[in-house]
Amino acid sequence: QVHMAESGGGLVQAGGSVRLSCAVSGPTFNNGAMAWFRQAPGKEHEFAAAITWTLGDTSYGDSVKGRFTISRDNAQNTVYLQMNSLKPEDTAVYYCNDLEGNWGQGTQVTVSS
């Protein structure tokens, strides 16, 4: 059973930066990729970024492209999301996901204007 634990969220001013971490335990290489999603109040889950464990290939949602960077540390089984130039509309709960239906508990990011 895959377990994911997110950390690093908090309150930040617009234009600031935050780095989220997702520590993964269990069979992490079943599908070879990890992703970050986010959910703002009253909205559906939105794809933010994904990365493959082996080659580190990345993909990003249009709303975060150029501002967010996903990375991974294979030795630590940890995935990161570096978020720069934050906007109030980035306010959401950010979730780690293994693209096989497993989710972390989420971490809140609030961006004040």
N, C-alpha and C. Protein backbone atom coordinates (compact mmCIF):
# COMPACT_ATOMS: atom_id res chain seq x y z
N GLN A 1 0.85 -1.18 0.00
CA GLN A 1 0.00 0.00 0.00
C GLN A 1 0.89 1.23 0.00
N VAL A 2 0.65 2.10 -0.96
CA VAL A 2 1.42 3.34 -1.06
C VAL A 2 0.89 4.35 -0.06
N HIS A 3 1.81 5.02 0.62
CA HIS A 3 1.44 6.07 1.55
C HIS A 3 2.19 7.33 1.18
N MET A 4 1.48 8.46 1.16
CA MET A 4 2.09 9.74 0.81
C MET A 4 1.78 10.77 1.89
N ALA A 5 2.77 11.54 2.26
CA ALA A 5 2.60 12.55 3.29
C ALA A 5 3.13 13.88 2.76
N GLU A 6 2.23 14.85 2.58
CA GLU A 6 2.62 16.17 2.11
C GLU A 6 2.98 17.08 3.28
N SER A 7 3.85 18.03 3.00
CA SER A 7 4.21 19.04 3.99
C SER A 7 4.70 20.29 3.26
N GLY A 8 4.79 21.39 4.00
CA GLY A 8 5.36 22.61 3.44
C GLY A 8 4.36 23.71 3.14
N GLY A 9 3.08 23.44 3.30
CA GLY A 9 2.09 24.47 3.01
C GLY A 9 2.10 25.56 4.07
N GLY A 10 1.30 26.60 3.83
CA GLY A 10 1.20 27.70 4.78
C GLY A 10 0.64 28.94 4.12
N LEU A 11 0.83 30.05 4.81
CA LEU A 11 0.35 31.35 4.34
C LEU A 11 1.51 32.11 3.73
N VAL A 12 1.32 32.64 2.54
CA VAL A 12 2.37 33.39 1.85
C VAL A 12 1.74 34.57 1.12
N GLN A 13 2.50 35.63 0.98
CA GLN A 13 2.00 36.80 0.25
C GLN A 13 2.12 36.59 -1.25
N ALA A 14 1.27 37.26 -1.98
CA ALA A 14 1.34 37.20 -3.44
C ALA A 14 2.74 37.60 -3.91
N GLY A 15 3.24 36.85 -4.89
CA GLY A 15 4.59 37.06 -5.37
C GLY A 15 5.64 36.25 -4.66
N GLY A 16 5.26 35.62 -3.57
CA GLY A 16 6.20 34.83 -2.79
C GLY A 16 6.35 33.42 -3.32
N SER A 17 7.09 32.61 -2.54
CA SER A 17 7.40 31.24 -2.94
C SER A 17 7.15 30.27 -1.79
N VAL A 18 6.85 29.06 -2.15
CA VAL A 18 6.66 27.97 -1.19
C VAL A 18 7.17 26.70 -1.85
N ARG A 19 7.76 25.80 -1.04
CA ARG A 19 8.12 24.49 -1.56
C ARG A 19 7.38 23.42 -0.79
N LEU A 20 6.66 22.60 -1.52
CA LEU A 20 5.95 21.48 -0.93
C LEU A 20 6.76 20.20 -1.09
N SER A 21 6.60 19.31 -0.12
CA SER A 21 7.26 18.01 -0.17
C SER A 21 6.22 16.91 -0.06
N CYS A 22 6.50 15.80 -0.71
CA CYS A 22 5.64 14.62 -0.62
C CYS A 22 6.53 13.41 -0.39
N ALA A 23 6.51 12.90 0.81
CA ALA A 23 7.29 11.71 1.15
C ALA A 23 6.46 10.47 0.84
N VAL A 24 7.03 9.58 0.05
CA VAL A 24 6.31 8.41 -0.44
C VAL A 24 6.90 7.15 0.16
N SER A 25 6.04 6.28 0.66
CA SER A 25 6.49 4.98 1.14
C SER A 25 5.64 3.90 0.48
N GLY A 26 6.21 2.70 0.33
CA GLY A 26 5.53 1.61 -0.34
C GLY A 26 6.09 1.37 -1.72
N PRO A 27 5.39 0.68 -2.57
CA PRO A 27 5.87 0.34 -3.92
C PRO A 27 5.80 1.53 -4.85
N THR A 28 6.84 2.40 -4.83
CA THR A 28 6.77 3.67 -5.55
C THR A 28 6.97 3.55 -7.04
N PHE A 29 7.44 2.44 -7.55
CA PHE A 29 7.77 2.37 -8.96
C PHE A 29 6.78 1.55 -9.76
N ASN A 30 5.59 1.34 -9.22
CA ASN A 30 4.60 0.55 -9.95
C ASN A 30 4.23 1.19 -11.28
N ASN A 31 4.02 2.49 -11.29
CA ASN A 31 3.63 3.13 -12.54
C ASN A 31 4.62 4.17 -13.00
N GLY A 32 5.63 4.45 -12.16
CA GLY A 32 6.72 5.28 -12.61
C GLY A 32 6.52 6.77 -12.55
N ALA A 33 5.43 7.24 -11.99
CA ALA A 33 5.21 8.69 -11.98
C ALA A 33 4.47 9.13 -10.73
N MET A 34 4.66 10.40 -10.41
CA MET A 34 3.95 11.04 -9.30
C MET A 34 3.44 12.38 -9.78
N ALA A 35 2.38 12.85 -9.13
CA ALA A 35 1.77 14.11 -9.56
C ALA A 35 1.32 14.93 -8.37
N TRP A 36 1.18 16.23 -8.61
CA TRP A 36 0.55 17.15 -7.67
C TRP A 36 -0.76 17.64 -8.30
N PHE A 37 -1.81 17.58 -7.50
CA PHE A 37 -3.08 18.17 -7.86
C PHE A 37 -3.42 19.22 -6.80
N ARG A 38 -4.36 20.08 -7.12
CA ARG A 38 -4.83 21.04 -6.13
C ARG A 38 -6.33 21.18 -6.24
N GLN A 39 -6.91 21.59 -5.12
CA GLN A 39 -8.35 21.79 -5.07
C GLN A 39 -8.65 23.07 -4.31
N ALA A 40 -9.19 24.04 -5.02
CA ALA A 40 -9.62 25.29 -4.40
C ALA A 40 -11.03 25.10 -3.86
N PRO A 41 -11.45 25.93 -2.90
CA PRO A 41 -12.79 25.79 -2.32
C PRO A 41 -13.87 25.83 -3.38
N GLY A 42 -14.73 24.85 -3.37
CA GLY A 42 -15.86 24.81 -4.29
C GLY A 42 -15.52 24.40 -5.70
N LYS A 43 -14.28 23.97 -5.93
CA LYS A 43 -13.86 23.60 -7.28
C LYS A 43 -13.40 22.15 -7.34
N GLU A 44 -13.27 21.64 -8.56
CA GLU A 44 -12.79 20.29 -8.78
C GLU A 44 -11.27 20.23 -8.59
N HIS A 45 -10.77 19.02 -8.46
CA HIS A 45 -9.33 18.83 -8.44
C HIS A 45 -8.74 19.32 -9.77
N GLU A 46 -7.61 19.99 -9.68
CA GLU A 46 -6.94 20.51 -10.87
C GLU A 46 -5.52 19.95 -10.93
N PHE A 47 -5.13 19.46 -12.09
CA PHE A 47 -3.78 18.95 -12.26
C PHE A 47 -2.77 20.10 -12.23
N ALA A 48 -1.70 19.92 -11.46
CA ALA A 48 -0.66 20.94 -11.38
C ALA A 48 0.61 20.50 -12.10
N ALA A 49 1.13 19.33 -11.72
CA ALA A 49 2.40 18.88 -12.30
C ALA A 49 2.58 17.40 -12.07
N ALA A 50 3.43 16.78 -12.91
CA ALA A 50 3.75 15.36 -12.76
C ALA A 50 5.21 15.14 -13.15
N ILE A 51 5.76 14.04 -12.62
CA ILE A 51 7.15 13.70 -12.91
C ILE A 51 7.33 12.20 -12.87
N THR A 52 8.19 11.66 -13.73
CA THR A 52 8.49 10.24 -13.70
C THR A 52 9.67 10.00 -12.76
N TRP A 53 9.62 8.89 -12.04
CA TRP A 53 10.68 8.58 -11.09
C TRP A 53 12.01 8.31 -11.79
N THR A 54 11.97 7.62 -12.94
CA THR A 54 13.22 7.16 -13.55
C THR A 54 13.92 8.28 -14.32
N LEU A 55 13.26 8.81 -15.35
CA LEU A 55 13.92 9.82 -16.20
C LEU A 55 13.71 11.25 -15.73
N GLY A 56 12.75 11.46 -14.83
CA GLY A 56 12.48 12.82 -14.38
C GLY A 56 11.74 13.66 -15.41
N ASP A 57 11.07 13.02 -16.36
CA ASP A 57 10.26 13.76 -17.32
C ASP A 57 9.12 14.46 -16.59
N THR A 58 8.85 15.71 -16.99
CA THR A 58 7.86 16.50 -16.28
C THR A 58 6.75 17.00 -17.21
N SER A 59 5.63 17.32 -16.62
CA SER A 59 4.53 17.97 -17.33
C SER A 59 3.82 18.89 -16.35
N TYR A 60 3.19 19.95 -16.87
CA TYR A 60 2.57 20.96 -16.03
C TYR A 60 1.21 21.37 -16.56
N GLY A 61 0.34 21.75 -15.62
CA GLY A 61 -0.91 22.34 -16.01
C GLY A 61 -0.68 23.75 -16.52
N ASP A 62 -1.57 24.21 -17.39
CA ASP A 62 -1.39 25.52 -18.01
C ASP A 62 -1.35 26.66 -16.99
N SER A 63 -2.10 26.52 -15.92
CA SER A 63 -2.20 27.62 -14.96
C SER A 63 -0.95 27.79 -14.11
N VAL A 64 -0.07 26.79 -14.09
CA VAL A 64 1.14 26.88 -13.25
C VAL A 64 2.42 26.85 -14.07
N LYS A 65 2.30 26.61 -15.35
CA LYS A 65 3.47 26.47 -16.21
C LYS A 65 4.32 27.75 -16.16
N GLY A 66 5.62 27.58 -15.98
CA GLY A 66 6.52 28.72 -15.91
C GLY A 66 6.70 29.28 -14.51
N ARG A 67 5.84 28.87 -13.57
CA ARG A 67 5.95 29.37 -12.19
C ARG A 67 6.26 28.25 -11.21
N PHE A 68 5.77 27.06 -11.48
CA PHE A 68 5.97 25.91 -10.59
C PHE A 68 6.98 24.95 -11.21
N THR A 69 7.75 24.28 -10.36
CA THR A 69 8.70 23.29 -10.80
C THR A 69 8.58 22.04 -9.94
N ILE A 70 8.37 20.90 -10.58
CA ILE A 70 8.30 19.63 -9.87
C ILE A 70 9.66 18.94 -9.98
N SER A 71 10.07 18.29 -8.89
CA SER A 71 11.32 17.55 -8.90
C SER A 71 11.18 16.35 -7.98
N ARG A 72 12.18 15.47 -8.03
CA ARG A 72 12.11 14.29 -7.15
C ARG A 72 13.50 13.92 -6.68
N ASP A 73 13.53 13.28 -5.52
CA ASP A 73 14.75 12.72 -4.94
C ASP A 73 14.51 11.23 -4.79
N ASN A 74 15.06 10.45 -5.70
CA ASN A 74 14.79 9.01 -5.70
C ASN A 74 15.33 8.34 -4.43
N ALA A 75 16.46 8.82 -3.93
CA ALA A 75 17.04 8.20 -2.73
C ALA A 75 16.14 8.41 -1.52
N GLN A 76 15.45 9.54 -1.48
CA GLN A 76 14.56 9.85 -0.35
C GLN A 76 13.11 9.51 -0.63
N ASN A 77 12.83 9.02 -1.85
CA ASN A 77 11.43 8.74 -2.23
C ASN A 77 10.54 9.95 -1.95
N THR A 78 11.02 11.11 -2.38
CA THR A 78 10.30 12.34 -2.10
C THR A 78 10.14 13.14 -3.39
N VAL A 79 8.97 13.72 -3.53
CA VAL A 79 8.66 14.58 -4.67
C VAL A 79 8.42 15.99 -4.13
N TYR A 80 8.92 16.98 -4.86
CA TYR A 80 8.80 18.37 -4.43
C TYR A 80 8.01 19.18 -5.45
N LEU A 81 7.41 20.25 -4.96
CA LEU A 81 6.78 21.22 -5.85
C LEU A 81 7.24 22.60 -5.40
N GLN A 82 8.11 23.20 -6.19
CA GLN A 82 8.56 24.56 -5.93
C GLN A 82 7.60 25.52 -6.61
N MET A 83 6.99 26.39 -5.83
CA MET A 83 5.97 27.29 -6.35
C MET A 83 6.47 28.72 -6.20
N ASN A 84 6.67 29.40 -7.30
CA ASN A 84 7.15 30.77 -7.31
C ASN A 84 6.10 31.71 -7.89
N SER A 85 6.29 32.98 -7.68
CA SER A 85 5.38 34.01 -8.22
C SER A 85 3.93 33.66 -7.91
N LEU A 86 3.68 33.33 -6.66
CA LEU A 86 2.35 32.87 -6.26
C LEU A 86 1.32 33.96 -6.39
N LYS A 87 0.11 33.53 -6.73
CA LYS A 87 -1.03 34.42 -6.91
C LYS A 87 -2.13 34.00 -5.95
N PRO A 88 -3.03 34.92 -5.60
CA PRO A 88 -4.15 34.52 -4.73
C PRO A 88 -4.94 33.34 -5.29
N GLU A 89 -5.04 33.24 -6.60
CA GLU A 89 -5.78 32.13 -7.20
C GLU A 89 -5.06 30.79 -7.09
N ASP A 90 -3.84 30.78 -6.58
CA ASP A 90 -3.15 29.53 -6.29
C ASP A 90 -3.57 28.95 -4.94
N THR A 91 -4.37 29.70 -4.19
CA THR A 91 -4.85 29.21 -2.90
C THR A 91 -5.65 27.93 -3.09
N ALA A 92 -5.24 26.88 -2.40
CA ALA A 92 -5.88 25.58 -2.56
C ALA A 92 -5.25 24.59 -1.59
N VAL A 93 -5.89 23.43 -1.48
CA VAL A 93 -5.24 22.30 -0.83
C VAL A 93 -4.49 21.53 -1.92
N TYR A 94 -3.21 21.28 -1.66
CA TYR A 94 -2.37 20.60 -2.63
C TYR A 94 -2.17 19.15 -2.22
N TYR A 95 -2.41 18.26 -3.18
CA TYR A 95 -2.37 16.84 -2.91
C TYR A 95 -1.32 16.14 -3.77
N CYS A 96 -0.67 15.17 -3.18
CA CYS A 96 0.22 14.27 -3.89
C CYS A 96 -0.61 13.08 -4.37
N ASN A 97 -0.26 12.58 -5.55
CA ASN A 97 -1.04 11.49 -6.14
C ASN A 97 -0.10 10.60 -6.95
N ASP A 98 -0.30 9.29 -6.87
CA ASP A 98 0.61 8.38 -7.57
C ASP A 98 0.06 7.91 -8.92
N LEU A 99 -1.00 8.54 -9.37
CA LEU A 99 -1.62 8.24 -10.66
C LEU A 99 -2.16 6.80 -10.71
N GLU A 100 -2.32 6.20 -9.54
CA GLU A 100 -2.97 4.89 -9.45
C GLU A 100 -4.09 4.93 -8.43
N GLY A 101 -4.56 6.12 -8.15
CA GLY A 101 -5.72 6.24 -7.26
C GLY A 101 -5.40 6.49 -5.81
N ASN A 102 -4.10 6.63 -5.47
CA ASN A 102 -3.72 6.88 -4.08
C ASN A 102 -3.41 8.36 -3.89
N TRP A 103 -3.95 8.93 -2.81
CA TRP A 103 -3.80 10.35 -2.52
C TRP A 103 -3.18 10.54 -1.14
N GLY A 104 -2.44 11.64 -1.00
CA GLY A 104 -2.01 12.06 0.32
C GLY A 104 -3.14 12.79 1.02
N GLN A 105 -2.84 13.28 2.24
CA GLN A 105 -3.88 13.95 3.01
C GLN A 105 -4.04 15.41 2.61
N GLY A 106 -3.08 15.94 1.88
CA GLY A 106 -3.15 17.32 1.40
C GLY A 106 -2.49 18.30 2.34
N THR A 107 -2.05 19.42 1.77
CA THR A 107 -1.49 20.51 2.56
C THR A 107 -2.03 21.82 2.02
N GLN A 108 -2.45 22.70 2.93
CA GLN A 108 -3.10 23.95 2.55
C GLN A 108 -2.06 24.99 2.18
N VAL A 109 -2.28 25.65 1.06
CA VAL A 109 -1.48 26.82 0.67
C VAL A 109 -2.45 27.99 0.49
N THR A 110 -2.18 29.05 1.22
CA THR A 110 -3.01 30.24 1.14
C THR A 110 -2.15 31.41 0.72
N VAL A 111 -2.55 32.07 -0.36
CA VAL A 111 -1.80 33.20 -0.90
C VAL A 111 -2.62 34.47 -0.67
N SER A 112 -2.08 35.39 0.10
CA SER A 112 -2.79 36.63 0.41
C SER A 112 -2.40 37.71 -0.60
N SER A 113 -3.35 38.57 -0.88
CA SER A 113 -3.10 39.64 -1.86
C SER A 113 -2.54 40.88 -1.18
